[in-house]
Amino acid sequence: ATTTAGAPRHSSVPRLLPFPSLSGPNLPIFLLVTGIHTMTDIDLHPIKVETFDIAGQFNIDPKGNERHVDEYRLHDNALYMGRPADHPDFNYLESWLLPGHNLRISRFHFREGFKATQELYVDIALIDRRCENSVDNGNNRPPEVWTTRDLYVDLVSHSDGRWDLLDLDELGAAIEEGYLRASEAAAALITTQSAIDGIGSLGFDGWIESLGVEIDWPVWEERH
């Protein structure tokens, strides 16, 4: 689950344990282990919900803050969002929502001087889209509002090729607490395994291509 929509994590003396069975020819997969957790150590919380209002050109984050969006773009049943951010570590956020695959993929633009190895942040999430039929946006299509229900588990890539698998402990605690329905827990686990298998065998770009999706990072590419 993201912290401020995927802000970089800080943990004490993390250990990165390689899992050869999850490693592929392109990108090795690692599991981030921060030590032995007890239930009191886990950030137990209900599912975080986020709103993406295309017509209104805003994004409501999990804390209820309304954020102006520079660009929404629909492509191949996927939604791109680019917006400024006032987080102390990063100042811009680009995301792709892939509803057919239960994925939100983000790239954070870290502030100058902030040393981060993180590159891509993959949220496992249920994504819903609805139309507000009472309003016409001028092109004979009703505006769309998308929502995400974050299913706790995340995959994070780093500049050295490492991938971290995060927050399985949060998922387990949320299941025990009853925050997820059985179908949602199943979706979280199945999607996570599918992502691990895809990235491990095909690399990130090959995995995305295998999903039949094209994604880009226009603001990142312009700045770099």
C-alpha atoms as a PDB file:
ATOM      1  CA  ALA A   1       0.000   0.000   0.000  1.00  0.00           C
ATOM      2  CA  THR A   2       1.347   3.392  -0.869  1.00  0.00           C
ATOM      3  CA  THR A   3       2.328   5.988   1.663  1.00  0.00           C
ATOM      4  CA  THR A   4       1.127   9.274   0.183  1.00  0.00           C
ATOM      5  CA  ALA A   5       0.478   7.439  -3.086  1.00  0.00           C
ATOM      6  CA  GLY A   6       3.781   5.652  -3.203  1.00  0.00           C
ATOM      7  CA  ALA A   7       6.162   7.997  -1.430  1.00  0.00           C
ATOM      8  CA  PRO A   8       9.558   6.396  -0.777  1.00  0.00           C
ATOM      9  CA  ARG A   9       9.755   4.123   2.228  1.00  0.00           C
ATOM     10  CA  HIS A  10      12.207   4.537   5.073  1.00  0.00           C
ATOM     11  CA  SER A  11      12.921   1.531   7.258  1.00  0.00           C
ATOM     12  CA  SER A  12      15.586   0.613   9.761  1.00  0.00           C
ATOM     13  CA  VAL A  13      18.319  -1.660   8.409  1.00  0.00           C
ATOM     14  CA  PRO A  14      16.328  -3.317   5.624  1.00  0.00           C
ATOM     15  CA  ARG A  15      17.561  -6.670   4.366  1.00  0.00           C
ATOM     16  CA  LEU A  16      17.108  -7.624   0.740  1.00  0.00           C
ATOM     17  CA  LEU A  17      16.715 -11.354   0.327  1.00  0.00           C
ATOM     18  CA  PRO A  18      16.993 -12.783  -3.205  1.00  0.00           C
ATOM     19  CA  PHE A  19      14.493 -15.413  -4.246  1.00  0.00           C
ATOM     20  CA  PRO A  20      16.040 -17.307  -7.173  1.00  0.00           C
ATOM     21  CA  SER A  21      12.709 -18.913  -8.070  1.00  0.00           C
ATOM     22  CA  LEU A  22      11.318 -15.437  -8.692  1.00  0.00           C
ATOM     23  CA  SER A  23      14.301 -14.247 -10.717  1.00  0.00           C
ATOM     24  CA  GLY A  24      14.217 -14.060 -14.481  1.00  0.00           C
ATOM     25  CA  PRO A  25      16.741 -13.365 -17.216  1.00  0.00           C
ATOM     26  CA  ASN A  26      15.936  -9.669 -17.254  1.00  0.00           C
ATOM     27  CA  LEU A  27      15.244  -8.330 -13.796  1.00  0.00           C
ATOM     28  CA  PRO A  28      15.836 -10.154 -10.503  1.00  0.00           C
ATOM     29  CA  ILE A  29      13.063 -10.025  -7.942  1.00  0.00           C
ATOM     30  CA  PHE A  30      13.833  -9.410  -4.285  1.00  0.00           C
ATOM     31  CA  LEU A  31      11.681  -9.353  -1.212  1.00  0.00           C
ATOM     32  CA  LEU A  32      12.158  -6.452   1.178  1.00  0.00           C
ATOM     33  CA  VAL A  33      12.350  -7.737   4.723  1.00  0.00           C
ATOM     34  CA  THR A  34      12.605  -5.222   7.552  1.00  0.00           C
ATOM     35  CA  GLY A  35      12.787  -7.705  10.368  1.00  0.00           C
ATOM     36  CA  ILE A  36      10.292  -9.884  12.207  1.00  0.00           C
ATOM     37  CA  HIS A  37       6.945  -8.126  12.515  1.00  0.00           C
ATOM     38  CA  THR A  38       4.336  -8.487  15.199  1.00  0.00           C
ATOM     39  CA  MET A  39       0.752  -7.414  14.663  1.00  0.00           C
ATOM     40  CA  THR A  40       1.422  -4.232  16.625  1.00  0.00           C
ATOM     41  CA  ASP A  41       4.192  -3.265  14.176  1.00  0.00           C
ATOM     42  CA  ILE A  42       1.951  -3.408  11.112  1.00  0.00           C
ATOM     43  CA  ASP A  43       0.299  -0.274   9.735  1.00  0.00           C
ATOM     44  CA  LEU A  44      -3.217  -1.681   9.960  1.00  0.00           C
ATOM     45  CA  HIS A  45      -5.766   0.465   8.114  1.00  0.00           C
ATOM     46  CA  PRO A  46      -8.887   0.099   5.971  1.00  0.00           C
ATOM     47  CA  ILE A  47      -8.540   0.032   2.193  1.00  0.00           C
ATOM     48  CA  LYS A  48      -7.415   3.407   0.858  1.00  0.00           C
ATOM     49  CA  VAL A  49      -9.691   4.901  -1.781  1.00  0.00           C
ATOM     50  CA  GLU A  50      -8.618   7.492  -4.344  1.00  0.00           C
ATOM     51  CA  THR A  51     -10.713   9.423  -6.885  1.00  0.00           C
ATOM     52  CA  PHE A  52      -9.759  10.603 -10.380  1.00  0.00           C
ATOM     53  CA  ASP A  53     -12.258  13.096 -11.828  1.00  0.00           C
ATOM     54  CA  ILE A  54     -11.505  13.575 -15.524  1.00  0.00           C
ATOM     55  CA  ALA A  55     -14.054  16.315 -16.202  1.00  0.00           C
ATOM     56  CA  GLY A  56     -13.221  18.215 -13.034  1.00  0.00           C
ATOM     57  CA  GLN A  57      -9.484  17.863 -13.705  1.00  0.00           C
ATOM     58  CA  PHE A  58      -8.712  16.881 -10.125  1.00  0.00           C
ATOM     59  CA  ASN A  59      -7.555  13.912  -8.047  1.00  0.00           C
ATOM     60  CA  ILE A  60      -8.701  13.260  -4.478  1.00  0.00           C
ATOM     61  CA  ASP A  61      -5.952  11.443  -2.604  1.00  0.00           C
ATOM     62  CA  PRO A  62      -6.571   8.840   0.130  1.00  0.00           C
ATOM     63  CA  LYS A  63      -6.462  11.564   2.803  1.00  0.00           C
ATOM     64  CA  GLY A  64      -9.261  13.500   1.102  1.00  0.00           C
ATOM     65  CA  ASN A  65      -7.077  16.244  -0.349  1.00  0.00           C
ATOM     66  CA  GLU A  66      -8.192  17.567  -3.740  1.00  0.00           C
ATOM     67  CA  ARG A  67      -5.243  17.896  -6.144  1.00  0.00           C
ATOM     68  CA  HIS A  68      -5.278  19.757  -9.457  1.00  0.00           C
ATOM     69  CA  VAL A  69      -4.359  17.534 -12.400  1.00  0.00           C
ATOM     70  CA  ASP A  70      -2.389  18.909 -15.356  1.00  0.00           C
ATOM     71  CA  GLU A  71      -3.381  16.119 -17.704  1.00  0.00           C
ATOM     72  CA  TYR A  72      -5.732  13.177 -17.896  1.00  0.00           C
ATOM     73  CA  ARG A  73      -5.455  10.995 -20.993  1.00  0.00           C
ATOM     74  CA  LEU A  74      -7.412   7.880 -21.937  1.00  0.00           C
ATOM     75  CA  HIS A  75      -5.610   5.323 -24.086  1.00  0.00           C
ATOM     76  CA  ASP A  76      -6.427   1.662 -24.685  1.00  0.00           C
ATOM     77  CA  ASN A  77      -8.785   1.512 -21.707  1.00  0.00           C
ATOM     78  CA  ALA A  78      -6.057   2.905 -19.462  1.00  0.00           C
ATOM     79  CA  LEU A  79      -5.941   6.308 -17.776  1.00  0.00           C
ATOM     80  CA  TYR A  80      -2.856   8.528 -17.545  1.00  0.00           C
ATOM     81  CA  MET A  81      -2.602  11.238 -14.899  1.00  0.00           C
ATOM     82  CA  GLY A  82       0.091  13.881 -14.450  1.00  0.00           C
ATOM     83  CA  ARG A  83      -0.110  16.318 -11.549  1.00  0.00           C
ATOM     84  CA  PRO A  84       2.037  18.489  -9.291  1.00  0.00           C
ATOM     85  CA  ALA A  85       2.749  17.328  -5.744  1.00  0.00           C
ATOM     86  CA  ASP A  86       3.646  19.194  -2.557  1.00  0.00           C
ATOM     87  CA  HIS A  87       5.306  16.237  -0.850  1.00  0.00           C
ATOM     88  CA  PRO A  88       8.655  17.051   0.812  1.00  0.00           C
ATOM     89  CA  ASP A  89      10.415  14.336  -1.230  1.00  0.00           C
ATOM     90  CA  PHE A  90       8.859  14.749  -4.689  1.00  0.00           C
ATOM     91  CA  ASN A  91       7.175  17.526  -6.655  1.00  0.00           C
ATOM     92  CA  TYR A  92       5.392  15.712  -9.467  1.00  0.00           C
ATOM     93  CA  LEU A  93       3.532  12.436  -9.953  1.00  0.00           C
ATOM     94  CA  GLU A  94       2.686  10.526 -13.112  1.00  0.00           C
ATOM     95  CA  SER A  95       0.437   7.466 -12.951  1.00  0.00           C
ATOM     96  CA  TRP A  96      -1.207   4.955 -15.252  1.00  0.00           C
ATOM     97  CA  LEU A  97      -4.370   3.165 -14.118  1.00  0.00           C
ATOM     98  CA  LEU A  98      -4.913  -0.215 -15.794  1.00  0.00           C
ATOM     99  CA  PRO A  99      -8.384  -1.399 -14.728  1.00  0.00           C
ATOM    100  CA  GLY A 100      -8.278  -4.649 -16.672  1.00  0.00           C
ATOM    101  CA  HIS A 101      -5.184  -5.740 -14.762  1.00  0.00           C
ATOM    102  CA  ASN A 102      -5.758  -4.342 -11.224  1.00  0.00           C
ATOM    103  CA  LEU A 103      -2.664  -2.150 -11.521  1.00  0.00           C
ATOM    104  CA  ARG A 104      -1.647   1.435 -10.906  1.00  0.00           C
ATOM    105  CA  ILE A 105       1.870   2.209 -12.107  1.00  0.00           C
ATOM    106  CA  SER A 106       3.506   5.460 -11.002  1.00  0.00           C
ATOM    107  CA  ARG A 107       6.684   7.433 -11.462  1.00  0.00           C
ATOM    108  CA  PHE A 108       7.634  10.020  -8.844  1.00  0.00           C
ATOM    109  CA  HIS A 109       9.702  13.088  -9.674  1.00  0.00           C
ATOM    110  CA  PHE A 110      11.952  13.481  -6.666  1.00  0.00           C
ATOM    111  CA  ARG A 111      13.114  16.903  -5.605  1.00  0.00           C
ATOM    112  CA  GLU A 112      16.630  18.024  -6.413  1.00  0.00           C
ATOM    113  CA  GLY A 113      18.989  16.824  -3.735  1.00  0.00           C
ATOM    114  CA  PHE A 114      16.749  13.984  -2.586  1.00  0.00           C
ATOM    115  CA  LYS A 115      18.694  10.782  -3.177  1.00  0.00           C
ATOM    116  CA  ALA A 116      16.304   8.015  -4.136  1.00  0.00           C
ATOM    117  CA  THR A 117      16.935   4.829  -6.059  1.00  0.00           C
ATOM    118  CA  GLN A 118      13.219   4.228  -6.593  1.00  0.00           C
ATOM    119  CA  GLU A 119      12.051   4.314 -10.203  1.00  0.00           C
ATOM    120  CA  LEU A 120       8.632   2.726 -10.722  1.00  0.00           C
ATOM    121  CA  TYR A 121       5.947   2.066  -8.135  1.00  0.00           C
ATOM    122  CA  VAL A 122       3.312  -0.574  -8.888  1.00  0.00           C
ATOM    123  CA  ASP A 123       0.200  -0.564  -6.711  1.00  0.00           C
ATOM    124  CA  ILE A 124      -2.060  -3.603  -6.721  1.00  0.00           C
ATOM    125  CA  ALA A 125      -5.509  -2.018  -6.786  1.00  0.00           C
ATOM    126  CA  LEU A 126      -9.093  -2.534  -7.874  1.00  0.00           C
ATOM    127  CA  ILE A 127     -10.092   0.181 -10.340  1.00  0.00           C
ATOM    128  CA  ASP A 128     -13.634   1.265 -11.111  1.00  0.00           C
ATOM    129  CA  ARG A 129     -14.902   3.818 -13.629  1.00  0.00           C
ATOM    130  CA  ARG A 130     -18.313   5.413 -13.842  1.00  0.00           C
ATOM    131  CA  CYS A 131     -20.031   8.071 -15.945  1.00  0.00           C
ATOM    132  CA  GLU A 132     -21.870  11.085 -14.632  1.00  0.00           C
ATOM    133  CA  ASN A 133     -24.737  11.005 -17.125  1.00  0.00           C
ATOM    134  CA  SER A 134     -26.250  14.308 -16.071  1.00  0.00           C
ATOM    135  CA  VAL A 135     -23.337  16.336 -17.428  1.00  0.00           C
ATOM    136  CA  ASP A 136     -22.103  16.638 -20.994  1.00  0.00           C
ATOM    137  CA  ASN A 137     -18.435  17.521 -21.486  1.00  0.00           C
ATOM    138  CA  GLY A 138     -18.985  18.957 -24.971  1.00  0.00           C
ATOM    139  CA  ASN A 139     -17.857  15.984 -27.064  1.00  0.00           C
ATOM    140  CA  ASN A 140     -20.956  13.785 -26.671  1.00  0.00           C
ATOM    141  CA  ARG A 141     -19.268  11.677 -24.005  1.00  0.00           C
ATOM    142  CA  PRO A 142     -20.195  12.009 -20.349  1.00  0.00           C
ATOM    143  CA  PRO A 143     -17.252  12.773 -18.087  1.00  0.00           C
ATOM    144  CA  GLU A 144     -15.762   9.847 -16.244  1.00  0.00           C
ATOM    145  CA  VAL A 145     -14.798   9.431 -12.620  1.00  0.00           C
ATOM    146  CA  TRP A 146     -12.364   6.637 -11.782  1.00  0.00           C
ATOM    147  CA  THR A 147     -11.736   5.265  -8.300  1.00  0.00           C
ATOM    148  CA  THR A 148      -9.075   2.968  -6.932  1.00  0.00           C
ATOM    149  CA  ARG A 149      -9.247   0.659  -3.933  1.00  0.00           C
ATOM    150  CA  ASP A 150      -5.664  -0.024  -2.919  1.00  0.00           C
ATOM    151  CA  LEU A 151      -5.101  -3.700  -2.084  1.00  0.00           C
ATOM    152  CA  TYR A 152      -2.047  -3.058   0.106  1.00  0.00           C
ATOM    153  CA  VAL A 153       0.624  -4.917  -1.896  1.00  0.00           C
ATOM    154  CA  ASP A 154       3.197  -2.945  -3.934  1.00  0.00           C
ATOM    155  CA  LEU A 155       6.133  -3.695  -6.233  1.00  0.00           C
ATOM    156  CA  VAL A 156       8.908  -1.099  -6.457  1.00  0.00           C
ATOM    157  CA  SER A 157      11.788  -0.962  -8.929  1.00  0.00           C
ATOM    158  CA  HIS A 158      15.174   0.636  -8.290  1.00  0.00           C
ATOM    159  CA  SER A 159      17.906   2.093 -10.468  1.00  0.00           C
ATOM    160  CA  ASP A 160      20.163  -0.929  -9.834  1.00  0.00           C
ATOM    161  CA  GLY A 161      17.564  -3.309 -11.322  1.00  0.00           C
ATOM    162  CA  ARG A 162      16.302  -4.519  -7.951  1.00  0.00           C
ATOM    163  CA  TRP A 163      12.581  -4.943  -7.302  1.00  0.00           C
ATOM    164  CA  ASP A 164      11.014  -4.890  -3.830  1.00  0.00           C
ATOM    165  CA  LEU A 165       7.789  -6.643  -2.880  1.00  0.00           C
ATOM    166  CA  LEU A 166       6.127  -4.655  -0.104  1.00  0.00           C
ATOM    167  CA  ASP A 167       3.309  -4.910   2.421  1.00  0.00           C
ATOM    168  CA  LEU A 168       2.239  -8.533   2.308  1.00  0.00           C
ATOM    169  CA  ASP A 169       2.094  -8.192   6.091  1.00  0.00           C
ATOM    170  CA  GLU A 170      -0.431  -5.339   5.737  1.00  0.00           C
ATOM    171  CA  LEU A 171      -2.512  -7.469   3.398  1.00  0.00           C
ATOM    172  CA  GLY A 172      -2.519 -10.359   5.860  1.00  0.00           C
ATOM    173  CA  ALA A 173      -3.485  -8.113   8.772  1.00  0.00           C
ATOM    174  CA  ALA A 174      -6.249  -6.466   6.721  1.00  0.00           C
ATOM    175  CA  ILE A 175      -7.665  -9.877   5.790  1.00  0.00           C
ATOM    176  CA  GLU A 176      -7.651 -10.956   9.430  1.00  0.00           C
ATOM    177  CA  GLU A 177      -9.340  -7.685  10.450  1.00  0.00           C
ATOM    178  CA  GLY A 178     -12.038  -8.116   7.805  1.00  0.00           C
ATOM    179  CA  TYR A 179     -11.133  -5.049   5.765  1.00  0.00           C
ATOM    180  CA  LEU A 180     -11.193  -7.077   2.527  1.00  0.00           C
ATOM    181  CA  ARG A 181     -13.750  -9.405   1.033  1.00  0.00           C
ATOM    182  CA  ALA A 182     -12.503 -12.829  -0.023  1.00  0.00           C
ATOM    183  CA  SER A 183     -12.709 -11.796  -3.683  1.00  0.00           C
ATOM    184  CA  GLU A 184     -10.553  -8.732  -3.024  1.00  0.00           C
ATOM    185  CA  ALA A 185      -7.929 -10.739  -1.147  1.00  0.00           C
ATOM    186  CA  ALA A 186      -7.862 -13.255  -3.991  1.00  0.00           C
ATOM    187  CA  ALA A 187      -7.451 -10.441  -6.546  1.00  0.00           C
ATOM    188  CA  ALA A 188      -4.536  -9.017  -4.557  1.00  0.00           C
ATOM    189  CA  LEU A 189      -2.677 -12.330  -4.411  1.00  0.00           C
ATOM    190  CA  ILE A 190      -3.393 -13.409  -7.982  1.00  0.00           C
ATOM    191  CA  THR A 191      -2.392 -10.011  -9.412  1.00  0.00           C
ATOM    192  CA  THR A 192       0.787  -9.901  -7.339  1.00  0.00           C
ATOM    193  CA  GLN A 193       1.860 -13.368  -8.459  1.00  0.00           C
ATOM    194  CA  SER A 194       1.082 -12.530 -12.082  1.00  0.00           C
ATOM    195  CA  ALA A 195       3.163  -9.340 -11.877  1.00  0.00           C
ATOM    196  CA  ILE A 196       6.092 -11.155 -10.278  1.00  0.00           C
ATOM    197  CA  ASP A 197       5.983 -13.869 -12.933  1.00  0.00           C
ATOM    198  CA  GLY A 198       5.701 -11.343 -15.759  1.00  0.00           C
ATOM    199  CA  ILE A 199       8.491  -9.044 -14.615  1.00  0.00           C
ATOM    200  CA  GLY A 200      10.721 -11.951 -13.677  1.00  0.00           C
ATOM    201  CA  SER A 201      10.434 -13.666 -17.048  1.00  0.00           C
ATOM    202  CA  LEU A 202       9.974 -10.738 -19.440  1.00  0.00           C
ATOM    203  CA  GLY A 203      11.346  -7.677 -17.668  1.00  0.00           C
ATOM    204  CA  PHE A 204       9.098  -4.703 -16.956  1.00  0.00           C
ATOM    205  CA  ASP A 205       8.757  -3.488 -20.555  1.00  0.00           C
ATOM    206  CA  GLY A 206       8.080  -6.986 -21.860  1.00  0.00           C
ATOM    207  CA  TRP A 207       5.522  -7.587 -19.136  1.00  0.00           C
ATOM    208  CA  ILE A 208       3.650  -4.371 -19.964  1.00  0.00           C
ATOM    209  CA  GLU A 209       3.722  -5.258 -23.660  1.00  0.00           C
ATOM    210  CA  SER A 210       2.329  -8.711 -22.859  1.00  0.00           C
ATOM    211  CA  LEU A 211      -0.638  -7.007 -21.170  1.00  0.00           C
ATOM    212  CA  GLY A 212      -1.454  -5.241 -24.436  1.00  0.00           C
ATOM    213  CA  VAL A 213      -0.876  -1.820 -22.901  1.00  0.00           C
ATOM    214  CA  GLU A 214       1.314   1.099 -23.942  1.00  0.00           C
ATOM    215  CA  ILE A 215       2.442   3.542 -21.269  1.00  0.00           C
ATOM    216  CA  ASP A 216       4.703   6.574 -21.364  1.00  0.00           C
ATOM    217  CA  TRP A 217       5.982   9.265 -19.016  1.00  0.00           C
ATOM    218  CA  PRO A 218       5.752  12.553 -20.970  1.00  0.00           C
ATOM    219  CA  VAL A 219       6.695  14.917 -18.153  1.00  0.00           C
ATOM    220  CA  TRP A 220       9.598  12.702 -17.036  1.00  0.00           C
ATOM    221  CA  GLU A 221      10.866  12.440 -20.599  1.00  0.00           C
ATOM    222  CA  GLU A 222      10.620  16.211 -21.068  1.00  0.00           C
ATOM    223  CA  ARG A 223      12.589  16.879 -17.881  1.00  0.00           C
ATOM    224  CA  HIS A 224      15.245  14.236 -18.514  1.00  0.00           C
END
